[in-house]
């Protein structure tokens, strides 16, 4: 039910209040139907809204593509602080372990 969904909306305590809304990085047209009504209401009542990225803009996609690779011969361990790299590595190990349980049988069959 719509009322039972996570709102993806966090309050930033200030006057007037601000809100932080977070979803995965896909075009809004693919997630909007699943956004709870309280989040939609916050958008409608907002005077200003800032977006992180416009993933429907070809320039944005091109820029993301050009910066996603590290320079030749470098890897994340070379450029991230040691503690952050370890946290990331642990998290990715967790995701790898858990991903099969998050997938439907159809998704498992498509690789």
N, C-alpha and C. Protein backbone atom coordinates (compact mmCIF):
# COMPACT_ATOMS: atom_id res chain seq x y z
N UNK A 1 0.83 -1.19 0.00
CA UNK A 1 0.00 0.00 0.00
C UNK A 1 0.87 1.25 0.00
N UNK A 2 0.36 2.27 -0.65
CA UNK A 2 1.08 3.54 -0.77
C UNK A 2 1.46 4.10 0.61
N UNK A 3 0.57 3.99 1.58
CA UNK A 3 0.83 4.58 2.90
C UNK A 3 1.90 3.83 3.68
N UNK A 4 2.22 2.61 3.28
CA UNK A 4 3.20 1.81 4.00
C UNK A 4 4.60 1.89 3.41
N UNK A 5 4.76 2.60 2.30
CA UNK A 5 6.06 2.69 1.65
C UNK A 5 6.99 3.64 2.40
N UNK A 6 8.30 3.39 2.30
CA UNK A 6 9.30 4.30 2.83
C UNK A 6 9.19 5.62 2.06
N UNK A 7 9.24 6.71 2.76
CA UNK A 7 9.04 8.00 2.09
C UNK A 7 10.28 8.48 1.35
N UNK A 8 11.46 7.96 1.66
CA UNK A 8 12.70 8.44 1.07
C UNK A 8 12.93 9.91 1.40
N UNK A 9 12.26 10.41 2.41
CA UNK A 9 12.29 11.83 2.73
C UNK A 9 12.81 12.03 4.14
N UNK A 10 13.88 12.83 4.28
CA UNK A 10 14.46 13.12 5.58
C UNK A 10 14.32 14.61 5.84
N UNK A 11 14.06 14.96 7.09
CA UNK A 11 13.93 16.36 7.48
C UNK A 11 15.28 16.90 7.93
N UNK A 12 15.59 18.09 7.45
CA UNK A 12 16.77 18.81 7.92
C UNK A 12 16.25 19.87 8.87
N UNK A 13 16.61 19.76 10.13
CA UNK A 13 16.04 20.63 11.15
C UNK A 13 16.62 22.02 11.04
N UNK A 14 15.83 22.93 10.54
CA UNK A 14 16.18 24.34 10.43
C UNK A 14 14.87 25.11 10.28
N UNK A 15 14.94 26.42 10.26
CA UNK A 15 13.74 27.24 10.14
C UNK A 15 13.87 28.14 8.93
N UNK A 16 13.06 27.97 7.90
CA UNK A 16 12.03 26.94 7.76
C UNK A 16 12.67 25.57 7.51
N UNK A 17 11.91 24.49 7.76
CA UNK A 17 12.48 23.16 7.57
C UNK A 17 12.86 22.90 6.12
N UNK A 18 13.86 22.07 5.95
CA UNK A 18 14.26 21.61 4.62
C UNK A 18 14.15 20.11 4.61
N UNK A 19 14.13 19.56 3.41
CA UNK A 19 13.99 18.11 3.28
C UNK A 19 15.01 17.58 2.29
N UNK A 20 15.47 16.38 2.54
CA UNK A 20 16.36 15.69 1.63
C UNK A 20 15.62 14.46 1.14
N UNK A 21 15.54 14.32 -0.17
CA UNK A 21 14.81 13.21 -0.78
C UNK A 21 15.81 12.35 -1.54
N UNK A 22 15.79 11.06 -1.32
CA UNK A 22 16.76 10.21 -1.99
C UNK A 22 16.16 8.95 -2.57
N UNK A 23 16.51 8.66 -3.81
CA UNK A 23 16.15 7.40 -4.46
C UNK A 23 17.39 6.93 -5.21
N UNK A 24 17.23 5.87 -5.94
CA UNK A 24 18.32 5.42 -6.79
C UNK A 24 18.40 6.31 -8.02
N UNK A 25 19.51 6.27 -8.72
CA UNK A 25 19.72 7.16 -9.87
C UNK A 25 19.08 6.60 -11.13
N UNK A 26 17.80 6.84 -11.27
CA UNK A 26 17.07 6.50 -12.49
C UNK A 26 16.16 7.67 -12.80
N UNK A 27 15.71 7.79 -14.04
CA UNK A 27 14.78 8.88 -14.36
C UNK A 27 13.53 8.80 -13.48
N UNK A 28 13.02 9.96 -13.08
CA UNK A 28 11.87 9.99 -12.19
C UNK A 28 10.68 9.25 -12.78
N UNK A 29 10.58 9.17 -14.10
CA UNK A 29 9.45 8.49 -14.72
C UNK A 29 9.42 7.01 -14.39
N UNK A 30 10.54 6.47 -13.93
CA UNK A 30 10.58 5.05 -13.59
C UNK A 30 10.29 4.80 -12.11
N UNK A 31 10.33 5.83 -11.28
CA UNK A 31 10.09 5.63 -9.84
C UNK A 31 8.90 6.42 -9.30
N UNK A 32 8.45 7.43 -10.02
CA UNK A 32 7.45 8.35 -9.46
C UNK A 32 6.18 7.64 -9.00
N UNK A 33 5.72 6.64 -9.71
CA UNK A 33 4.49 5.93 -9.32
C UNK A 33 4.65 5.21 -7.98
N UNK A 34 5.88 5.00 -7.54
CA UNK A 34 6.12 4.27 -6.30
C UNK A 34 6.51 5.18 -5.14
N UNK A 35 6.55 6.48 -5.39
CA UNK A 35 6.90 7.44 -4.35
C UNK A 35 5.65 7.67 -3.49
N UNK A 36 5.78 7.57 -2.16
CA UNK A 36 4.62 7.76 -1.28
C UNK A 36 4.04 9.17 -1.39
N UNK A 37 2.78 9.27 -1.06
CA UNK A 37 2.06 10.54 -1.17
C UNK A 37 2.65 11.64 -0.29
N UNK A 38 3.19 11.28 0.89
CA UNK A 38 3.75 12.34 1.75
C UNK A 38 4.97 12.99 1.10
N UNK A 39 5.74 12.23 0.34
CA UNK A 39 6.87 12.81 -0.38
C UNK A 39 6.40 13.69 -1.53
N UNK A 40 5.40 13.22 -2.25
CA UNK A 40 4.86 14.01 -3.36
C UNK A 40 4.28 15.33 -2.84
N UNK A 41 3.64 15.26 -1.69
CA UNK A 41 3.05 16.47 -1.10
C UNK A 41 4.16 17.47 -0.73
N UNK A 42 5.28 16.97 -0.21
CA UNK A 42 6.40 17.85 0.13
C UNK A 42 6.93 18.55 -1.11
N UNK A 43 7.02 17.83 -2.23
CA UNK A 43 7.45 18.47 -3.48
C UNK A 43 6.46 19.55 -3.89
N UNK A 44 5.16 19.25 -3.82
CA UNK A 44 4.14 20.20 -4.25
C UNK A 44 4.12 21.46 -3.39
N UNK A 45 4.46 21.32 -2.13
CA UNK A 45 4.42 22.46 -1.22
C UNK A 45 5.75 23.23 -1.17
N UNK A 46 6.74 22.75 -1.88
CA UNK A 46 8.06 23.38 -1.86
C UNK A 46 8.09 24.62 -2.74
N UNK A 47 8.86 25.61 -2.30
CA UNK A 47 9.07 26.81 -3.09
C UNK A 47 10.28 26.64 -4.01
N UNK A 48 11.26 25.86 -3.55
CA UNK A 48 12.48 25.64 -4.32
C UNK A 48 12.84 24.15 -4.23
N UNK A 49 13.24 23.56 -5.34
CA UNK A 49 13.68 22.17 -5.38
C UNK A 49 14.99 22.12 -6.15
N UNK A 50 16.01 21.45 -5.59
CA UNK A 50 17.29 21.27 -6.26
C UNK A 50 17.46 19.78 -6.56
N UNK A 51 17.95 19.48 -7.74
CA UNK A 51 18.18 18.10 -8.12
C UNK A 51 19.66 17.85 -8.28
N UNK A 52 20.09 16.64 -7.93
CA UNK A 52 21.50 16.29 -8.03
C UNK A 52 21.93 16.18 -9.48
N UNK A 53 21.24 15.36 -10.25
CA UNK A 53 21.59 15.13 -11.65
C UNK A 53 20.32 14.99 -12.48
N UNK A 54 20.37 15.41 -13.72
CA UNK A 54 19.27 15.19 -14.65
C UNK A 54 19.68 14.04 -15.56
N UNK A 55 19.22 12.85 -15.23
CA UNK A 55 19.61 11.66 -15.99
C UNK A 55 18.83 11.50 -17.28
N UNK A 56 18.03 12.48 -17.62
CA UNK A 56 17.37 12.48 -18.93
C UNK A 56 18.11 13.37 -19.92
N UNK A 57 19.15 14.07 -19.44
CA UNK A 57 19.92 14.99 -20.27
C UNK A 57 21.12 14.27 -20.88
N UNK A 58 21.20 14.20 -22.21
CA UNK A 58 22.32 13.50 -22.86
C UNK A 58 23.70 14.05 -22.44
N UNK A 59 23.83 15.35 -22.20
CA UNK A 59 25.10 15.91 -21.76
C UNK A 59 25.50 15.34 -20.40
N UNK A 60 24.53 15.22 -19.48
CA UNK A 60 24.81 14.66 -18.16
C UNK A 60 25.29 13.22 -18.29
N UNK A 61 24.61 12.44 -19.11
CA UNK A 61 25.00 11.04 -19.31
C UNK A 61 26.40 10.97 -19.90
N UNK A 62 26.68 11.82 -20.87
CA UNK A 62 28.01 11.85 -21.48
C UNK A 62 29.09 12.21 -20.46
N UNK A 63 28.81 13.20 -19.62
CA UNK A 63 29.78 13.61 -18.60
C UNK A 63 30.01 12.49 -17.59
N UNK A 64 28.95 11.81 -17.19
CA UNK A 64 29.11 10.70 -16.26
C UNK A 64 29.95 9.58 -16.87
N UNK A 65 29.71 9.30 -18.13
CA UNK A 65 30.45 8.25 -18.82
C UNK A 65 31.93 8.59 -18.88
N UNK A 66 32.25 9.85 -19.16
CA UNK A 66 33.65 10.22 -19.32
C UNK A 66 34.42 10.25 -18.00
N UNK A 67 33.72 10.35 -16.87
CA UNK A 67 34.45 10.43 -15.60
C UNK A 67 34.33 9.17 -14.75
N UNK A 68 33.74 8.14 -15.28
CA UNK A 68 33.55 6.95 -14.45
C UNK A 68 34.78 6.05 -14.37
N UNK A 69 35.73 6.25 -15.26
CA UNK A 69 36.93 5.41 -15.26
C UNK A 69 38.11 6.17 -14.66
N UNK A 70 38.91 5.46 -13.88
CA UNK A 70 40.12 6.05 -13.32
C UNK A 70 41.21 6.08 -14.39
N UNK A 71 42.22 6.93 -14.21
CA UNK A 71 43.34 6.94 -15.17
C UNK A 71 43.99 5.55 -15.27
N UNK A 72 44.59 5.31 -16.40
CA UNK A 72 45.23 4.02 -16.69
C UNK A 72 46.13 3.57 -15.54
N UNK A 73 45.91 2.34 -15.07
CA UNK A 73 46.76 1.77 -14.04
C UNK A 73 46.35 2.08 -12.61
N UNK A 74 45.38 2.96 -12.39
CA UNK A 74 44.95 3.28 -11.03
C UNK A 74 43.69 2.49 -10.69
N UNK A 75 43.52 2.23 -9.38
CA UNK A 75 42.28 1.60 -8.93
C UNK A 75 41.80 2.33 -7.68
N UNK A 76 40.64 1.95 -7.18
CA UNK A 76 40.06 2.67 -6.04
C UNK A 76 40.96 2.65 -4.82
N UNK A 77 41.66 1.57 -4.61
CA UNK A 77 42.55 1.48 -3.46
C UNK A 77 43.64 2.56 -3.52
N UNK A 78 44.00 2.97 -4.72
CA UNK A 78 45.02 3.99 -4.89
C UNK A 78 44.51 5.40 -4.59
N UNK A 79 43.22 5.63 -4.78
CA UNK A 79 42.72 7.01 -4.70
C UNK A 79 41.81 7.29 -3.50
N UNK A 80 41.28 6.25 -2.87
CA UNK A 80 40.42 6.46 -1.71
C UNK A 80 41.22 6.37 -0.42
N UNK A 81 40.81 7.13 0.61
CA UNK A 81 41.42 6.94 1.92
C UNK A 81 41.21 5.49 2.38
N UNK A 82 42.18 4.97 3.11
CA UNK A 82 42.17 3.55 3.50
C UNK A 82 40.88 3.12 4.19
N UNK A 83 40.37 3.91 5.16
CA UNK A 83 39.17 3.52 5.89
C UNK A 83 37.94 3.49 4.99
N UNK A 84 37.85 4.44 4.08
CA UNK A 84 36.70 4.46 3.17
C UNK A 84 36.78 3.29 2.20
N UNK A 85 37.97 2.99 1.71
CA UNK A 85 38.13 1.85 0.81
C UNK A 85 37.71 0.56 1.51
N UNK A 86 38.11 0.37 2.76
CA UNK A 86 37.74 -0.84 3.51
C UNK A 86 36.23 -0.93 3.71
N UNK A 87 35.61 0.21 4.06
CA UNK A 87 34.15 0.22 4.23
C UNK A 87 33.45 -0.14 2.92
N UNK A 88 33.92 0.44 1.83
CA UNK A 88 33.32 0.16 0.53
C UNK A 88 33.48 -1.32 0.17
N UNK A 89 34.66 -1.86 0.40
CA UNK A 89 34.92 -3.26 0.09
C UNK A 89 34.01 -4.18 0.90
N UNK A 90 33.86 -3.89 2.20
CA UNK A 90 32.96 -4.70 3.05
C UNK A 90 31.52 -4.60 2.56
N UNK A 91 31.10 -3.40 2.20
CA UNK A 91 29.73 -3.23 1.73
C UNK A 91 29.49 -4.00 0.43
N UNK A 92 30.44 -3.92 -0.49
CA UNK A 92 30.27 -4.64 -1.76
C UNK A 92 30.28 -6.15 -1.55
N UNK A 93 31.05 -6.64 -0.58
CA UNK A 93 31.01 -8.07 -0.25
C UNK A 93 29.63 -8.45 0.27
N UNK A 94 29.04 -7.58 1.09
CA UNK A 94 27.69 -7.80 1.61
C UNK A 94 26.67 -7.82 0.46
N UNK A 95 26.77 -6.86 -0.42
CA UNK A 95 25.84 -6.80 -1.56
C UNK A 95 25.95 -8.06 -2.41
N UNK A 96 27.17 -8.50 -2.67
CA UNK A 96 27.38 -9.70 -3.47
C UNK A 96 26.74 -10.92 -2.80
N UNK A 97 26.86 -11.01 -1.49
CA UNK A 97 26.27 -12.11 -0.73
C UNK A 97 24.74 -12.05 -0.75
N UNK A 98 24.18 -10.84 -0.60
CA UNK A 98 22.74 -10.68 -0.45
C UNK A 98 21.98 -10.59 -1.77
N UNK A 99 22.63 -10.18 -2.84
CA UNK A 99 21.93 -9.91 -4.09
C UNK A 99 21.04 -11.06 -4.56
N UNK A 100 21.47 -12.31 -4.48
CA UNK A 100 20.57 -13.38 -4.93
C UNK A 100 19.22 -13.38 -4.20
N UNK A 101 19.22 -13.01 -2.94
CA UNK A 101 17.95 -12.99 -2.19
C UNK A 101 17.08 -11.80 -2.56
N UNK A 102 17.66 -10.79 -3.19
CA UNK A 102 16.91 -9.59 -3.60
C UNK A 102 16.31 -9.74 -4.99
N UNK A 103 16.70 -10.78 -5.70
CA UNK A 103 16.28 -10.92 -7.10
C UNK A 103 15.10 -11.88 -7.22
N UNK A 104 14.28 -11.63 -8.23
CA UNK A 104 13.20 -12.54 -8.55
C UNK A 104 13.78 -13.69 -9.37
N UNK A 105 13.05 -14.81 -9.48
CA UNK A 105 13.55 -15.90 -10.32
C UNK A 105 13.81 -15.47 -11.76
N UNK A 106 12.96 -14.59 -12.30
CA UNK A 106 13.17 -14.09 -13.67
C UNK A 106 14.49 -13.33 -13.78
N UNK A 107 14.78 -12.50 -12.79
CA UNK A 107 16.01 -11.72 -12.82
C UNK A 107 17.23 -12.64 -12.71
N UNK A 108 17.14 -13.67 -11.89
CA UNK A 108 18.27 -14.60 -11.76
C UNK A 108 18.55 -15.28 -13.09
N UNK A 109 17.50 -15.58 -13.85
CA UNK A 109 17.64 -16.28 -15.12
C UNK A 109 18.22 -15.44 -16.24
N UNK A 110 18.23 -14.11 -16.06
CA UNK A 110 18.75 -13.24 -17.14
C UNK A 110 20.20 -12.86 -16.91
N UNK A 111 20.78 -13.33 -15.83
CA UNK A 111 22.20 -13.03 -15.58
C UNK A 111 22.39 -11.69 -14.96
